[in-house]
Amino acid sequence: MPVQTRAVGLRGERGGWLAVLRVQTNRNGDLSGSPQGAGYCPSQRDVTVEDAAAGSPVRADCLRLKNWGSSAQWLEKNRPDLVQWLGTRQIALNQPYSYLSYRYATESGAWVEVDALVDQRLLRPKTRNNEEFLVAGRPALQWGHDMAQAVRLSVGMMDGYLAIPPFPFAAPSP
């Protein structure tokens, strides 16, 4: 099945990468089926996982968020394909960054998969006390929900347009 891959990124004022999104889809009209294991959405330690398709074998609606995606070789161990893809494009993000993955596949065979690496300053507020620290991850998860909704909508669009939602916090200035 032909797969289309597109990338979009956000650079800071000094040219460093603040966010990189890789979007893969079969949007070219080939609806011969979802990618193998499309409905597979296992839980994972230290990763927020939401499976809105409830393990369906024919559709997927899987959101995964790792707030500390840049921690100790986590990306290399869990997503070596993404690390290789980044390496071939010479993309390196500021640390720390969060990792978000969203996979959506319909029963008719249309599917979209998004991998996002995002500088945490775009997703997490600065915290000054314990209470703020305990809720600091909520904006990142909300952004993930917004991204999931945008992907779902893009599958129903004639042109497949994907409107990336704005980040909860402004790009940091140097």
N, C-alpha and C. Protein backbone atom coordinates (compact mmCIF):
# COMPACT_ATOMS: atom_id res chain seq x y z
N MET A 1 0.85 -1.16 0.00
CA MET A 1 0.00 0.00 0.00
C MET A 1 0.90 1.24 0.00
N PRO A 2 0.71 2.16 -0.96
CA PRO A 2 1.52 3.37 -0.99
C PRO A 2 1.24 4.26 0.23
N VAL A 3 2.29 4.73 0.82
CA VAL A 3 2.18 5.59 1.99
C VAL A 3 2.74 6.96 1.63
N GLN A 4 1.99 7.99 1.94
CA GLN A 4 2.49 9.35 1.76
C GLN A 4 3.01 9.84 3.10
N THR A 5 4.20 10.43 3.10
CA THR A 5 4.78 10.98 4.31
C THR A 5 5.03 12.46 4.09
N ARG A 6 4.58 13.25 5.03
CA ARG A 6 4.82 14.69 5.00
C ARG A 6 5.38 15.09 6.37
N ALA A 7 6.15 16.15 6.35
CA ALA A 7 6.71 16.66 7.59
C ALA A 7 6.44 18.16 7.67
N VAL A 8 6.23 18.60 8.88
CA VAL A 8 6.07 20.02 9.13
C VAL A 8 6.82 20.32 10.42
N GLY A 9 7.40 21.49 10.51
CA GLY A 9 8.16 21.82 11.70
C GLY A 9 8.03 23.29 12.07
N LEU A 10 8.45 23.57 13.26
CA LEU A 10 8.45 24.93 13.78
C LEU A 10 9.85 25.21 14.31
N ARG A 11 10.44 26.28 13.82
CA ARG A 11 11.77 26.67 14.28
C ARG A 11 11.66 27.90 15.18
N GLY A 12 12.58 27.97 16.12
CA GLY A 12 12.65 29.13 17.00
C GLY A 12 13.37 30.30 16.34
N GLU A 13 13.49 31.39 17.05
CA GLU A 13 14.13 32.59 16.51
C GLU A 13 15.58 32.36 16.10
N ARG A 14 16.24 31.44 16.75
CA ARG A 14 17.64 31.15 16.43
C ARG A 14 17.80 29.98 15.46
N GLY A 15 16.70 29.50 14.93
CA GLY A 15 16.76 28.46 13.91
C GLY A 15 16.67 27.03 14.42
N GLY A 16 16.69 26.84 15.73
CA GLY A 16 16.58 25.48 16.27
C GLY A 16 15.15 24.96 16.17
N TRP A 17 15.01 23.65 16.08
CA TRP A 17 13.69 23.03 15.97
C TRP A 17 12.97 23.06 17.31
N LEU A 18 11.74 23.58 17.30
CA LEU A 18 10.89 23.56 18.48
C LEU A 18 9.85 22.44 18.38
N ALA A 19 9.47 22.10 17.17
CA ALA A 19 8.50 21.03 16.96
C ALA A 19 8.68 20.44 15.57
N VAL A 20 8.53 19.13 15.49
CA VAL A 20 8.57 18.42 14.22
C VAL A 20 7.44 17.42 14.22
N LEU A 21 6.64 17.43 13.17
CA LEU A 21 5.55 16.48 13.04
C LEU A 21 5.74 15.69 11.75
N ARG A 22 5.67 14.39 11.86
CA ARG A 22 5.70 13.51 10.69
C ARG A 22 4.29 12.95 10.54
N VAL A 23 3.71 13.15 9.36
CA VAL A 23 2.35 12.68 9.09
C VAL A 23 2.42 11.66 7.97
N GLN A 24 1.90 10.47 8.23
CA GLN A 24 1.85 9.41 7.23
C GLN A 24 0.39 9.05 6.98
N THR A 25 0.08 8.80 5.70
CA THR A 25 -1.31 8.50 5.35
C THR A 25 -1.40 7.73 4.05
N ASN A 26 -2.54 7.16 3.80
CA ASN A 26 -2.84 6.56 2.51
C ASN A 26 -3.82 7.45 1.77
N ARG A 27 -3.75 8.73 2.01
CA ARG A 27 -4.72 9.71 1.48
C ARG A 27 -4.76 9.76 -0.04
N ASN A 28 -3.84 9.10 -0.73
CA ASN A 28 -3.81 9.16 -2.18
C ASN A 28 -4.96 8.39 -2.83
N GLY A 29 -5.86 7.86 -2.05
CA GLY A 29 -7.04 7.18 -2.60
C GLY A 29 -6.97 5.67 -2.53
N ASP A 30 -5.82 5.10 -2.17
CA ASP A 30 -5.70 3.66 -2.05
C ASP A 30 -6.26 3.24 -0.69
N LEU A 31 -7.46 2.70 -0.70
CA LEU A 31 -8.10 2.27 0.55
C LEU A 31 -8.07 0.76 0.67
N SER A 32 -6.94 0.17 0.34
CA SER A 32 -6.84 -1.29 0.36
C SER A 32 -6.70 -1.86 1.75
N GLY A 33 -6.77 -1.05 2.75
CA GLY A 33 -6.72 -1.55 4.12
C GLY A 33 -5.80 -0.75 5.00
N SER A 34 -6.03 -0.89 6.28
CA SER A 34 -5.23 -0.18 7.27
C SER A 34 -3.87 -0.84 7.41
N PRO A 35 -2.89 -0.12 7.94
CA PRO A 35 -1.59 -0.72 8.17
C PRO A 35 -1.70 -1.88 9.16
N GLN A 36 -0.79 -2.82 9.04
CA GLN A 36 -0.80 -3.99 9.92
C GLN A 36 -0.76 -3.55 11.37
N GLY A 37 -1.62 -4.15 12.18
CA GLY A 37 -1.67 -3.84 13.60
C GLY A 37 -2.30 -2.49 13.91
N ALA A 38 -3.15 -1.99 13.02
CA ALA A 38 -3.73 -0.65 13.18
C ALA A 38 -4.44 -0.46 14.50
N GLY A 39 -5.16 -1.45 14.98
CA GLY A 39 -5.91 -1.30 16.22
C GLY A 39 -5.10 -1.57 17.47
N TYR A 40 -3.82 -1.90 17.32
CA TYR A 40 -2.96 -2.23 18.45
C TYR A 40 -2.59 -0.95 19.19
N CYS A 41 -3.01 -0.84 20.45
CA CYS A 41 -2.77 0.37 21.25
C CYS A 41 -2.50 -0.04 22.69
N PRO A 42 -1.36 -0.70 22.94
CA PRO A 42 -1.08 -1.21 24.28
C PRO A 42 -0.71 -0.11 25.27
N SER A 43 -1.01 -0.36 26.52
CA SER A 43 -0.58 0.56 27.57
C SER A 43 0.94 0.43 27.71
N GLN A 44 1.55 1.47 28.27
CA GLN A 44 3.00 1.49 28.43
C GLN A 44 3.35 2.32 29.64
N ARG A 45 4.30 1.87 30.38
CA ARG A 45 4.73 2.57 31.59
C ARG A 45 5.21 3.98 31.26
N ASP A 46 4.78 4.95 32.03
CA ASP A 46 5.16 6.36 31.90
C ASP A 46 4.68 7.01 30.60
N VAL A 47 3.71 6.40 29.94
CA VAL A 47 3.13 6.96 28.72
C VAL A 47 1.62 7.02 28.92
N THR A 48 1.04 8.17 28.65
CA THR A 48 -0.42 8.29 28.68
C THR A 48 -0.95 7.69 27.38
N VAL A 49 -1.80 6.68 27.51
CA VAL A 49 -2.34 6.00 26.33
C VAL A 49 -3.86 6.03 26.42
N GLU A 50 -4.49 6.50 25.34
CA GLU A 50 -5.94 6.50 25.26
C GLU A 50 -6.35 5.78 23.98
N ASP A 51 -7.11 4.72 24.13
CA ASP A 51 -7.58 3.92 22.99
C ASP A 51 -9.08 4.10 22.84
N ALA A 52 -9.48 5.09 22.04
CA ALA A 52 -10.90 5.37 21.85
C ALA A 52 -11.59 4.30 21.02
N ALA A 53 -10.82 3.45 20.32
CA ALA A 53 -11.40 2.36 19.53
C ALA A 53 -11.54 1.10 20.36
N ALA A 54 -11.10 1.13 21.60
CA ALA A 54 -11.23 0.01 22.54
C ALA A 54 -10.69 -1.30 21.97
N GLY A 55 -9.52 -1.24 21.33
CA GLY A 55 -8.88 -2.46 20.84
C GLY A 55 -9.51 -3.07 19.61
N SER A 56 -10.28 -2.32 18.87
CA SER A 56 -10.95 -2.83 17.67
C SER A 56 -9.93 -3.39 16.68
N PRO A 57 -10.21 -4.55 16.09
CA PRO A 57 -9.28 -5.11 15.11
C PRO A 57 -9.38 -4.45 13.73
N VAL A 58 -10.42 -3.65 13.48
CA VAL A 58 -10.62 -3.07 12.16
C VAL A 58 -10.49 -1.55 12.12
N ARG A 59 -10.37 -0.91 13.26
CA ARG A 59 -10.18 0.54 13.27
C ARG A 59 -9.23 0.92 14.40
N ALA A 60 -8.69 2.12 14.31
CA ALA A 60 -7.75 2.60 15.33
C ALA A 60 -8.09 4.03 15.70
N ASP A 61 -7.90 4.35 16.96
CA ASP A 61 -8.07 5.70 17.47
C ASP A 61 -7.19 5.76 18.73
N CYS A 62 -5.88 5.80 18.51
CA CYS A 62 -4.90 5.61 19.58
C CYS A 62 -4.03 6.84 19.77
N LEU A 63 -4.15 7.45 20.94
CA LEU A 63 -3.34 8.61 21.31
C LEU A 63 -2.33 8.17 22.36
N ARG A 64 -1.07 8.53 22.14
CA ARG A 64 0.01 8.21 23.08
C ARG A 64 0.79 9.49 23.35
N LEU A 65 1.04 9.78 24.63
CA LEU A 65 1.79 10.97 25.01
C LEU A 65 2.84 10.60 26.05
N LYS A 66 4.07 10.91 25.73
CA LYS A 66 5.19 10.73 26.66
C LYS A 66 5.73 12.13 26.94
N ASN A 67 5.42 12.66 28.13
CA ASN A 67 5.83 14.02 28.45
C ASN A 67 7.34 14.21 28.38
N TRP A 68 8.09 13.20 28.75
CA TRP A 68 9.55 13.29 28.72
C TRP A 68 10.08 12.35 27.65
N GLY A 69 9.71 12.62 26.39
CA GLY A 69 10.17 11.79 25.27
C GLY A 69 11.67 11.83 25.08
N SER A 70 12.31 12.86 25.60
CA SER A 70 13.75 12.99 25.45
C SER A 70 14.53 12.28 26.56
N SER A 71 13.84 11.58 27.45
CA SER A 71 14.54 10.93 28.56
C SER A 71 15.33 9.71 28.11
N ALA A 72 16.49 9.55 28.64
CA ALA A 72 17.43 8.42 28.51
C ALA A 72 17.11 7.38 27.45
N GLN A 73 17.36 7.71 26.23
CA GLN A 73 17.22 6.77 25.11
C GLN A 73 15.80 6.23 24.91
N TRP A 74 14.80 6.89 25.47
CA TRP A 74 13.44 6.39 25.34
C TRP A 74 13.01 6.30 23.88
N LEU A 75 13.24 7.35 23.10
CA LEU A 75 12.83 7.37 21.71
C LEU A 75 13.57 6.30 20.91
N GLU A 76 14.85 6.14 21.15
CA GLU A 76 15.64 5.13 20.45
C GLU A 76 15.13 3.72 20.72
N LYS A 77 14.71 3.47 21.94
CA LYS A 77 14.23 2.14 22.31
C LYS A 77 12.81 1.88 21.81
N ASN A 78 11.98 2.91 21.79
CA ASN A 78 10.57 2.73 21.48
C ASN A 78 10.18 3.09 20.05
N ARG A 79 10.91 3.96 19.41
CA ARG A 79 10.58 4.38 18.04
C ARG A 79 11.85 4.52 17.20
N PRO A 80 12.60 3.42 17.01
CA PRO A 80 13.84 3.53 16.22
C PRO A 80 13.59 3.99 14.78
N ASP A 81 12.41 3.67 14.22
CA ASP A 81 12.09 4.13 12.87
C ASP A 81 12.02 5.65 12.80
N LEU A 82 11.45 6.27 13.83
CA LEU A 82 11.36 7.72 13.87
C LEU A 82 12.74 8.35 14.07
N VAL A 83 13.55 7.74 14.91
CA VAL A 83 14.91 8.24 15.13
C VAL A 83 15.70 8.19 13.82
N GLN A 84 15.55 7.10 13.07
CA GLN A 84 16.23 6.98 11.78
C GLN A 84 15.72 8.04 10.80
N TRP A 85 14.41 8.24 10.77
CA TRP A 85 13.81 9.24 9.89
C TRP A 85 14.35 10.64 10.22
N LEU A 86 14.43 10.97 11.50
CA LEU A 86 14.97 12.26 11.93
C LEU A 86 16.44 12.39 11.52
N GLY A 87 17.19 11.31 11.71
CA GLY A 87 18.61 11.32 11.39
C GLY A 87 18.88 11.54 9.91
N THR A 88 18.09 10.93 9.06
CA THR A 88 18.30 11.12 7.62
C THR A 88 17.99 12.54 7.18
N ARG A 89 17.25 13.26 7.97
CA ARG A 89 16.91 14.65 7.66
C ARG A 89 17.71 15.64 8.52
N GLN A 90 18.61 15.12 9.32
CA GLN A 90 19.47 15.91 10.20
C GLN A 90 18.64 16.85 11.09
N ILE A 91 17.60 16.27 11.71
CA ILE A 91 16.72 17.03 12.60
C ILE A 91 17.04 16.64 14.04
N ALA A 92 17.37 17.63 14.84
CA ALA A 92 17.60 17.43 16.28
C ALA A 92 16.82 18.50 17.01
N LEU A 93 16.06 18.08 18.01
CA LEU A 93 15.23 19.02 18.76
C LEU A 93 15.91 19.49 20.02
N ASN A 94 15.47 20.67 20.48
CA ASN A 94 15.88 21.15 21.79
C ASN A 94 15.35 20.18 22.83
N GLN A 95 16.06 20.04 23.92
CA GLN A 95 15.59 19.18 25.00
C GLN A 95 15.26 20.04 26.20
N PRO A 96 14.31 19.65 26.99
CA PRO A 96 13.51 18.43 26.89
C PRO A 96 12.35 18.61 25.90
N TYR A 97 11.93 17.49 25.31
CA TYR A 97 10.79 17.51 24.42
C TYR A 97 9.81 16.41 24.80
N SER A 98 8.58 16.61 24.36
CA SER A 98 7.52 15.61 24.57
C SER A 98 7.31 14.86 23.26
N TYR A 99 6.85 13.63 23.39
CA TYR A 99 6.53 12.81 22.21
C TYR A 99 5.04 12.54 22.21
N LEU A 100 4.42 12.75 21.05
CA LEU A 100 3.01 12.44 20.89
C LEU A 100 2.86 11.60 19.63
N SER A 101 2.04 10.58 19.74
CA SER A 101 1.72 9.75 18.59
C SER A 101 0.21 9.61 18.54
N TYR A 102 -0.33 9.72 17.35
CA TYR A 102 -1.76 9.50 17.17
C TYR A 102 -1.96 8.69 15.90
N ARG A 103 -2.71 7.61 16.02
CA ARG A 103 -3.01 6.75 14.88
C ARG A 103 -4.52 6.61 14.77
N TYR A 104 -5.02 6.90 13.58
CA TYR A 104 -6.45 6.82 13.32
C TYR A 104 -6.66 6.04 12.03
N ALA A 105 -7.50 5.04 12.09
CA ALA A 105 -7.84 4.26 10.90
C ALA A 105 -9.32 3.95 10.93
N THR A 106 -9.96 4.09 9.78
CA THR A 106 -11.38 3.82 9.68
C THR A 106 -11.60 2.39 9.20
N GLU A 107 -12.81 1.90 9.37
CA GLU A 107 -13.15 0.56 8.89
C GLU A 107 -13.04 0.46 7.38
N SER A 108 -13.20 1.58 6.67
CA SER A 108 -13.12 1.56 5.21
C SER A 108 -11.68 1.53 4.71
N GLY A 109 -10.71 1.71 5.60
CA GLY A 109 -9.31 1.60 5.21
C GLY A 109 -8.54 2.90 5.15
N ALA A 110 -9.19 4.04 5.33
CA ALA A 110 -8.45 5.31 5.37
C ALA A 110 -7.70 5.38 6.70
N TRP A 111 -6.47 5.86 6.66
CA TRP A 111 -5.71 5.96 7.91
C TRP A 111 -4.72 7.12 7.87
N VAL A 112 -4.42 7.63 9.07
CA VAL A 112 -3.45 8.70 9.27
C VAL A 112 -2.69 8.38 10.54
N GLU A 113 -1.38 8.60 10.49
CA GLU A 113 -0.54 8.41 11.66
C GLU A 113 0.33 9.66 11.82
N VAL A 114 0.33 10.22 13.04
CA VAL A 114 1.10 11.44 13.32
C VAL A 114 2.08 11.14 14.45
N ASP A 115 3.33 11.50 14.23
CA ASP A 115 4.34 11.48 15.29
C ASP A 115 4.78 12.92 15.49
N ALA A 116 4.77 13.38 16.72
CA ALA A 116 5.16 14.76 17.01
C ALA A 116 6.18 14.79 18.13
N LEU A 117 7.24 15.52 17.91
CA LEU A 117 8.23 15.82 18.94
C LEU A 117 8.15 17.32 19.17
N VAL A 118 7.86 17.71 20.40
CA VAL A 118 7.56 19.12 20.69
C VAL A 118 8.35 19.59 21.91
N ASP A 119 9.04 20.70 21.74
CA ASP A 119 9.74 21.34 22.85
C ASP A 119 8.73 21.54 23.98
N GLN A 120 9.07 21.10 25.17
CA GLN A 120 8.12 21.16 26.28
C GLN A 120 7.66 22.57 26.61
N ARG A 121 8.42 23.56 26.27
CA ARG A 121 8.00 24.94 26.58
C ARG A 121 6.75 25.34 25.81
N LEU A 122 6.44 24.60 24.72
CA LEU A 122 5.22 24.88 23.96
C LEU A 122 4.00 24.18 24.55
N LEU A 123 4.24 23.17 25.41
CA LEU A 123 3.15 22.33 25.93
C LEU A 123 2.95 22.40 27.43
N ARG A 124 3.97 22.85 28.16
CA ARG A 124 3.90 22.82 29.62
C ARG A 124 4.16 24.21 30.19
N PRO A 125 3.36 24.64 31.14
CA PRO A 125 3.61 25.95 31.77
C PRO A 125 4.79 25.85 32.74
N LYS A 126 5.37 26.99 33.03
CA LYS A 126 6.38 27.04 34.09
C LYS A 126 5.64 26.82 35.39
N THR A 127 6.26 26.09 36.28
CA THR A 127 5.62 25.83 37.57
C THR A 127 6.41 26.47 38.69
N ARG A 128 5.67 26.95 39.69
CA ARG A 128 6.31 27.61 40.82
C ARG A 128 6.03 26.92 42.14
N ASN A 129 5.12 25.93 42.13
CA ASN A 129 4.80 25.24 43.37
C ASN A 129 4.29 23.84 43.04
N ASN A 130 4.04 23.04 44.06
CA ASN A 130 3.62 21.66 43.87
C ASN A 130 2.28 21.54 43.13
N GLU A 131 1.35 22.40 43.48
CA GLU A 131 0.03 22.34 42.85
C GLU A 131 0.13 22.57 41.35
N GLU A 132 0.90 23.58 40.95
CA GLU A 132 1.08 23.86 39.53
C GLU A 132 1.81 22.71 38.84
N PHE A 133 2.78 22.13 39.52
CA PHE A 133 3.53 21.00 38.95
C PHE A 133 2.60 19.81 38.68
N LEU A 134 1.68 19.55 39.58
CA LEU A 134 0.79 18.39 39.45
C LEU A 134 -0.17 18.49 38.27
N VAL A 135 -0.48 19.69 37.83
CA VAL A 135 -1.41 19.85 36.70
C VAL A 135 -0.70 20.34 35.44
N ALA A 136 0.61 20.42 35.46
CA ALA A 136 1.36 20.98 34.33
C ALA A 136 1.22 20.16 33.04
N GLY A 137 0.90 18.89 33.13
CA GLY A 137 0.77 18.06 31.94
C GLY A 137 -0.56 18.18 31.23
N ARG A 138 -1.52 18.83 31.84
CA ARG A 138 -2.85 18.92 31.23
C ARG A 138 -2.88 19.64 29.88
N PRO A 139 -2.16 20.76 29.72
CA PRO A 139 -2.19 21.41 28.40
C PRO A 139 -1.63 20.50 27.28
N ALA A 140 -0.61 19.72 27.58
CA ALA A 140 -0.06 18.81 26.58
C ALA A 140 -1.09 17.76 26.18
N LEU A 141 -1.77 17.20 27.14
CA LEU A 141 -2.79 16.20 26.83
C LEU A 141 -3.95 16.83 26.06
N GLN A 142 -4.34 18.04 26.41
CA GLN A 142 -5.40 18.72 25.67
C GLN A 142 -4.97 18.97 24.23
N TRP A 143 -3.70 19.34 24.03
CA TRP A 143 -3.19 19.53 22.67
C TRP A 143 -3.26 18.21 21.91
N GLY A 144 -2.95 17.11 22.59
CA GLY A 144 -3.07 15.80 21.97
C GLY A 144 -4.50 15.51 21.55
N HIS A 145 -5.46 15.83 22.40
CA HIS A 145 -6.87 15.64 22.06
C HIS A 145 -7.26 16.51 20.86
N ASP A 146 -6.76 17.75 20.84
CA ASP A 146 -7.03 18.65 19.72
C ASP A 146 -6.42 18.11 18.43
N MET A 147 -5.21 17.57 18.52
CA MET A 147 -4.57 16.97 17.35
C MET A 147 -5.38 15.77 16.85
N ALA A 148 -5.82 14.93 17.77
CA ALA A 148 -6.63 13.77 17.40
C ALA A 148 -7.90 14.20 16.67
N GLN A 149 -8.56 15.23 17.18
CA GLN A 149 -9.77 15.73 16.53
C GLN A 149 -9.46 16.27 15.14
N ALA A 150 -8.35 16.97 14.99
CA ALA A 150 -7.96 17.51 13.68
C ALA A 150 -7.70 16.38 12.69
N VAL A 151 -7.07 15.30 13.15
CA VAL A 151 -6.80 14.15 12.27
C VAL A 151 -8.12 13.51 11.85
N ARG A 152 -9.02 13.29 12.81
CA ARG A 152 -10.32 12.70 12.47
C ARG A 152 -11.04 13.53 11.41
N LEU A 153 -11.01 14.84 11.58
CA LEU A 153 -11.66 15.72 10.61
C LEU A 153 -10.98 15.66 9.25
N SER A 154 -9.65 15.55 9.24
CA SER A 154 -8.92 15.54 7.96
C SER A 154 -9.29 14.32 7.12
N VAL A 155 -9.57 13.19 7.76
CA VAL A 155 -9.93 11.98 7.02
C VAL A 155 -11.24 12.18 6.27
N GLY A 156 -12.13 13.00 6.81
CA GLY A 156 -13.40 13.26 6.16
C GLY A 156 -13.37 14.39 5.14
N MET A 157 -12.25 15.10 5.05
CA MET A 157 -12.15 16.22 4.10
C MET A 157 -11.83 15.69 2.71
N MET A 158 -12.39 16.31 1.71
CA MET A 158 -12.13 15.90 0.32
C MET A 158 -10.66 16.01 -0.02
N ASP A 159 -10.00 17.07 0.46
CA ASP A 159 -8.59 17.27 0.13
C ASP A 159 -7.65 16.74 1.21
N GLY A 160 -8.20 16.19 2.29
CA GLY A 160 -7.37 15.63 3.36
C GLY A 160 -6.62 16.66 4.17
N TYR A 161 -7.00 17.91 4.10
CA TYR A 161 -6.31 18.99 4.81
C TYR A 161 -6.26 18.71 6.31
N LEU A 162 -5.08 18.81 6.90
CA LEU A 162 -4.90 18.61 8.33
C LEU A 162 -4.51 19.95 8.96
N ALA A 163 -5.39 20.49 9.77
CA ALA A 163 -5.15 21.76 10.46
C ALA A 163 -4.50 21.47 11.81
N ILE A 164 -3.19 21.68 11.89
CA ILE A 164 -2.46 21.45 13.13
C ILE A 164 -2.95 22.46 14.17
N PRO A 165 -3.39 22.00 15.33
CA PRO A 165 -3.88 22.95 16.34
C PRO A 165 -2.73 23.78 16.92
N PRO A 166 -3.04 24.99 17.37
CA PRO A 166 -1.99 25.82 17.97
C PRO A 166 -1.51 25.21 19.30
N PHE A 167 -0.25 25.45 19.59
CA PHE A 167 0.29 24.99 20.86
C PHE A 167 -0.27 25.83 21.99
N PRO A 168 -0.37 25.27 23.19
CA PRO A 168 -0.95 26.02 24.30
C PRO A 168 -0.13 27.24 24.74
N PHE A 169 1.18 27.22 24.48
CA PHE A 169 2.05 28.30 24.93
C PHE A 169 2.86 28.83 23.77
N ALA A 170 3.17 30.11 23.80
CA ALA A 170 3.91 30.77 22.73
C ALA A 170 5.33 30.24 22.65
N ALA A 171 5.89 30.34 21.45
CA ALA A 171 7.28 29.93 21.25
C ALA A 171 8.17 30.76 22.15
N PRO A 172 9.11 30.12 22.83
CA PRO A 172 10.00 30.86 23.73
C PRO A 172 10.93 31.79 22.95
N SER A 173 11.23 32.93 23.54
CA SER A 173 12.18 33.84 22.92
C SER A 173 13.53 33.64 23.57
N PRO A 174 14.58 33.92 22.81
CA PRO A 174 15.94 33.65 23.33
C PRO A 174 16.33 34.48 24.53
